[in-house]
C-alpha atoms as a PDB file:
ATOM      1  CA  MET A   1     102.309 260.811 179.983  1.00  0.00           C
ATOM      2  CA  GLY A   2     102.074 257.884 177.629  1.00  0.00           C
ATOM      3  CA  ARG A   3     104.183 257.561 174.552  1.00  0.00           C
ATOM      4  CA  ASN A   4     102.774 257.219 171.087  1.00  0.00           C
ATOM      5  CA  LEU A   5     103.855 253.778 169.858  1.00  0.00           C
ATOM      6  CA  PHE A   6     103.883 254.748 166.232  1.00  0.00           C
ATOM      7  CA  THR A   7     106.146 257.759 166.617  1.00  0.00           C
ATOM      8  CA  SER A   8     108.654 256.285 169.029  1.00  0.00           C
ATOM      9  CA  GLY A   9     111.576 254.787 167.126  1.00  0.00           C
ATOM     10  CA  ASN A  10     112.415 251.843 169.411  1.00  0.00           C
ATOM     11  CA  THR A  11     108.907 250.712 170.299  1.00  0.00           C
ATOM     12  CA  SER A  12     107.432 250.897 166.804  1.00  0.00           C
ATOM     13  CA  SER A  13     110.259 248.901 165.210  1.00  0.00           C
ATOM     14  CA  LYS A  14     109.884 246.208 167.890  1.00  0.00           C
ATOM     15  CA  LEU A  15     106.130 246.100 167.361  1.00  0.00           C
ATOM     16  CA  PHE A  16     106.422 245.577 163.617  1.00  0.00           C
ATOM     17  CA  SER A  17     109.272 243.097 163.874  1.00  0.00           C
ATOM     18  CA  ARG A  18     107.264 240.839 166.200  1.00  0.00           C
ATOM     19  CA  ALA A  19     104.320 240.815 163.802  1.00  0.00           C
ATOM     20  CA  SER A  20     106.540 239.974 160.853  1.00  0.00           C
ATOM     21  CA  LYS A  21     108.113 237.035 162.756  1.00  0.00           C
ATOM     22  CA  THR A  22     104.792 235.464 163.756  1.00  0.00           C
ATOM     23  CA  GLU A  23     103.153 235.944 160.363  1.00  0.00           C
ATOM     24  CA  PRO A  24     105.415 233.502 158.457  1.00  0.00           C
ATOM     25  CA  LYS A  25     104.834 230.895 161.205  1.00  0.00           C
ATOM     26  CA  GLU A  26     101.069 231.275 160.817  1.00  0.00           C
ATOM     27  CA  VAL A  27     101.324 231.039 157.035  1.00  0.00           C
ATOM     28  CA  ALA A  28     103.550 227.948 157.301  1.00  0.00           C
ATOM     29  CA  ALA A  29     101.122 226.335 159.767  1.00  0.00           C
ATOM     30  CA  LYS A  30      98.212 227.038 157.406  1.00  0.00           C
ATOM     31  CA  LYS A  31     100.104 225.561 154.434  1.00  0.00           C
ATOM     32  CA  HIS A  32     100.992 222.491 156.498  1.00  0.00           C
ATOM     33  CA  SER A  33      97.405 221.928 157.641  1.00  0.00           C
ATOM     34  CA  ASP A  34      96.150 222.359 154.048  1.00  0.00           C
ATOM     35  CA  ALA A  35      98.716 219.853 152.744  1.00  0.00           C
ATOM     36  CA  GLU A  36      97.802 217.398 155.509  1.00  0.00           C
ATOM     37  CA  ARG A  37      94.096 217.754 154.706  1.00  0.00           C
ATOM     38  CA  ARG A  38      94.776 217.068 150.999  1.00  0.00           C
ATOM     39  CA  ARG A  39      96.851 213.992 151.984  1.00  0.00           C
ATOM     40  CA  ARG A  40      94.006 212.644 154.156  1.00  0.00           C
ATOM     41  CA  LEU A  41      91.507 213.245 151.338  1.00  0.00           C
ATOM     42  CA  ARG A  42      93.714 211.297 148.883  1.00  0.00           C
ATOM     43  CA  ILE A  43      94.070 208.408 151.346  1.00  0.00           C
ATOM     44  CA  ASN A  44      90.323 208.305 152.020  1.00  0.00           C
ATOM     45  CA  HIS A  45      89.622 208.390 148.276  1.00  0.00           C
ATOM     46  CA  GLN A  46      91.949 205.414 147.748  1.00  0.00           C
ATOM     47  CA  PHE A  47      90.215 203.505 150.563  1.00  0.00           C
ATOM     48  CA  ALA A  48      86.855 204.236 148.923  1.00  0.00           C
ATOM     49  CA  THR A  49      88.214 202.873 145.632  1.00  0.00           C
ATOM     50  CA  LEU A  50      89.436 199.706 147.361  1.00  0.00           C
ATOM     51  CA  ARG A  51      86.023 199.261 148.992  1.00  0.00           C
ATOM     52  CA  THR A  52      84.372 199.217 145.566  1.00  0.00           C
ATOM     53  CA  ILE A  53      86.939 196.779 144.115  1.00  0.00           C
ATOM     54  CA  LEU A  54      87.024 194.202 146.918  1.00  0.00           C
ATOM     55  CA  LEU A  55      84.296 191.588 146.621  1.00  0.00           C
ATOM     56  CA  ASN A  56      84.413 189.737 149.962  1.00  0.00           C
ATOM     57  CA  LEU A  57      84.493 192.832 152.148  1.00  0.00           C
ATOM     58  CA  VAL A  58      82.295 192.359 155.222  1.00  0.00           C
ATOM     59  CA  LYS A  59      83.382 195.374 157.296  1.00  0.00           C
ATOM     60  CA  GLN A  60      84.009 198.812 155.801  1.00  0.00           C
ATOM     61  CA  ASP A  61      86.642 200.102 158.256  1.00  0.00           C
ATOM     62  CA  LYS A  62      90.194 200.855 157.094  1.00  0.00           C
ATOM     63  CA  ALA A  63      91.801 197.914 158.909  1.00  0.00           C
ATOM     64  CA  SER A  64      89.400 195.456 157.252  1.00  0.00           C
ATOM     65  CA  VAL A  65      89.954 197.031 153.840  1.00  0.00           C
ATOM     66  CA  LEU A  66      93.742 196.754 154.222  1.00  0.00           C
ATOM     67  CA  GLY A  67      93.501 193.174 155.496  1.00  0.00           C
ATOM     68  CA  GLU A  68      91.307 192.085 152.600  1.00  0.00           C
ATOM     69  CA  THR A  69      93.600 193.887 150.132  1.00  0.00           C
ATOM     70  CA  VAL A  70      96.632 192.008 151.452  1.00  0.00           C
ATOM     71  CA  ARG A  71      94.728 188.707 151.317  1.00  0.00           C
ATOM     72  CA  CYS A  72      93.661 189.319 147.695  1.00  0.00           C
ATOM     73  CA  PHE A  73      97.182 190.404 146.720  1.00  0.00           C
ATOM     74  CA  ASN A  74      98.704 187.224 148.180  1.00  0.00           C
ATOM     75  CA  GLU A  75      96.055 185.137 146.416  1.00  0.00           C
ATOM     76  CA  LEU A  76      96.917 186.817 143.102  1.00  0.00           C
ATOM     77  CA  LYS A  77     100.628 186.180 143.671  1.00  0.00           C
ATOM     78  CA  GLU A  78      99.906 182.467 144.132  1.00  0.00           C
ATOM     79  CA  THR A  79      97.732 182.445 140.997  1.00  0.00           C
ATOM     80  CA  VAL A  80     100.511 184.060 138.968  1.00  0.00           C
ATOM     81  CA  LYS A  81     102.986 181.444 140.206  1.00  0.00           C
ATOM     82  CA  GLU A  82     100.706 178.738 138.793  1.00  0.00           C
ATOM     83  CA  ILE A  83     100.583 180.305 135.321  1.00  0.00           C
ATOM     84  CA  PRO A  84     103.181 178.693 133.054  1.00  0.00           C
ATOM     85  CA  THR A  85     105.859 181.049 131.802  1.00  0.00           C
ATOM     86  CA  THR A  86     106.099 179.495 128.314  1.00  0.00           C
ATOM     87  CA  PRO A  87     103.040 178.685 126.233  1.00  0.00           C
ATOM     88  CA  ASP A  88     102.400 175.091 125.179  1.00  0.00           C
ATOM     89  CA  LEU A  89     101.510 174.087 121.626  1.00  0.00           C
ATOM     90  CA  GLU A  90      97.877 173.819 122.702  1.00  0.00           C
ATOM     91  CA  ASP A  91      97.983 177.377 124.006  1.00  0.00           C
ATOM     92  CA  SER A  92      99.116 178.942 120.739  1.00  0.00           C
ATOM     93  CA  LEU A  93      96.626 180.899 118.701  1.00  0.00           C
ATOM     94  CA  ARG A  94      95.734 179.249 115.388  1.00  0.00           C
ATOM     95  CA  LEU A  95      94.298 181.327 112.569  1.00  0.00           C
ATOM     96  CA  GLY A  96      93.133 179.021 109.840  1.00  0.00           C
ATOM     97  CA  HIS A  97      90.116 179.744 107.692  1.00  0.00           C
ATOM     98  CA  CYS A  98      89.181 183.149 109.028  1.00  0.00           C
ATOM     99  CA  ASN A  99      88.296 186.077 106.844  1.00  0.00           C
ATOM    100  CA  LYS A 100      89.566 189.594 107.542  1.00  0.00           C
ATOM    101  CA  ARG A 101      86.474 190.611 109.505  1.00  0.00           C
ATOM    102  CA  ASP A 102      86.805 187.579 111.797  1.00  0.00           C
ATOM    103  CA  MET A 103      90.513 188.263 112.316  1.00  0.00           C
ATOM    104  CA  ALA A 104      89.811 191.901 113.211  1.00  0.00           C
ATOM    105  CA  SER A 105      87.214 190.890 115.800  1.00  0.00           C
ATOM    106  CA  LEU A 106      89.560 188.193 117.125  1.00  0.00           C
ATOM    107  CA  PHE A 107      92.402 190.661 117.599  1.00  0.00           C
ATOM    108  CA  GLN A 108      89.993 193.102 119.221  1.00  0.00           C
ATOM    109  CA  LEU A 109      88.890 190.348 121.619  1.00  0.00           C
ATOM    110  CA  GLN A 110      92.507 189.477 122.346  1.00  0.00           C
ATOM    111  CA  ARG A 111      93.336 193.075 123.251  1.00  0.00           C
ATOM    112  CA  GLN A 112      90.383 193.227 125.616  1.00  0.00           C
ATOM    113  CA  ARG A 113      91.575 190.175 127.538  1.00  0.00           C
ATOM    114  CA  ARG A 114      95.228 191.192 127.977  1.00  0.00           C
ATOM    115  CA  ALA A 115      96.232 191.980 131.573  1.00  0.00           C
ATOM    116  CA  ASN A 116      99.337 192.639 133.602  1.00  0.00           C
ATOM    117  CA  VAL A 117      99.305 190.645 136.842  1.00  0.00           C
ATOM    118  CA  GLY A 118     102.198 190.815 139.279  1.00  0.00           C
ATOM    119  CA  GLY A 119     104.638 192.064 136.665  1.00  0.00           C
ATOM    120  CA  ARG A 120     103.734 189.310 134.192  1.00  0.00           C
ATOM    121  CA  SER A 121     101.643 189.761 131.094  1.00  0.00           C
ATOM    122  CA  VAL A 122      98.666 187.399 130.939  1.00  0.00           C
ATOM    123  CA  VAL A 123      96.700 186.982 127.705  1.00  0.00           C
ATOM    124  CA  GLU A 124      93.550 184.951 127.282  1.00  0.00           C
ATOM    125  CA  SER A 125      93.269 184.004 123.614  1.00  0.00           C
ATOM    126  CA  SER A 126      90.353 182.717 121.553  1.00  0.00           C
ATOM    127  CA  GLN A 127      90.427 180.438 118.529  1.00  0.00           C
ATOM    128  CA  CYS A 128      88.553 181.176 115.339  1.00  0.00           C
ATOM    129  CA  LYS A 129      86.964 178.094 113.697  1.00  0.00           C
ATOM    130  CA  GLY A 130      84.795 177.966 110.608  1.00  0.00           C
ATOM    131  CA  GLY A 131      84.248 181.720 110.357  1.00  0.00           C
ATOM    132  CA  GLU A 132      83.080 182.031 114.000  1.00  0.00           C
ATOM    133  CA  SER A 133      84.921 183.845 116.716  1.00  0.00           C
END
């Protein structure tokens, strides 16, 4: 008659060894699909962020977002090239007759307008005259 698979030495060891070989493949496939899903979510999140940043975006598809991003990046590179690397005398910040409160607000304003564009630090400064900032 038929053999009992669980009591037979050869058959039962083959049965369990096949299951143990396929299980790691299934686990690896699941891990890979989960990692790929997380990667796609991160990419889509970054595209959504770019869509909110870009001003002249007509179409919302990924190719349009990338194209507009490249255009804006190249425009910023050209703008940075036009910024002089050394400040002129007119560009220097002059603190004359300012009291401490005015100087504190001036420095606070200066920190708010500091930016890093294309690897260069750009600072827009204000001048304090007659106690006004």
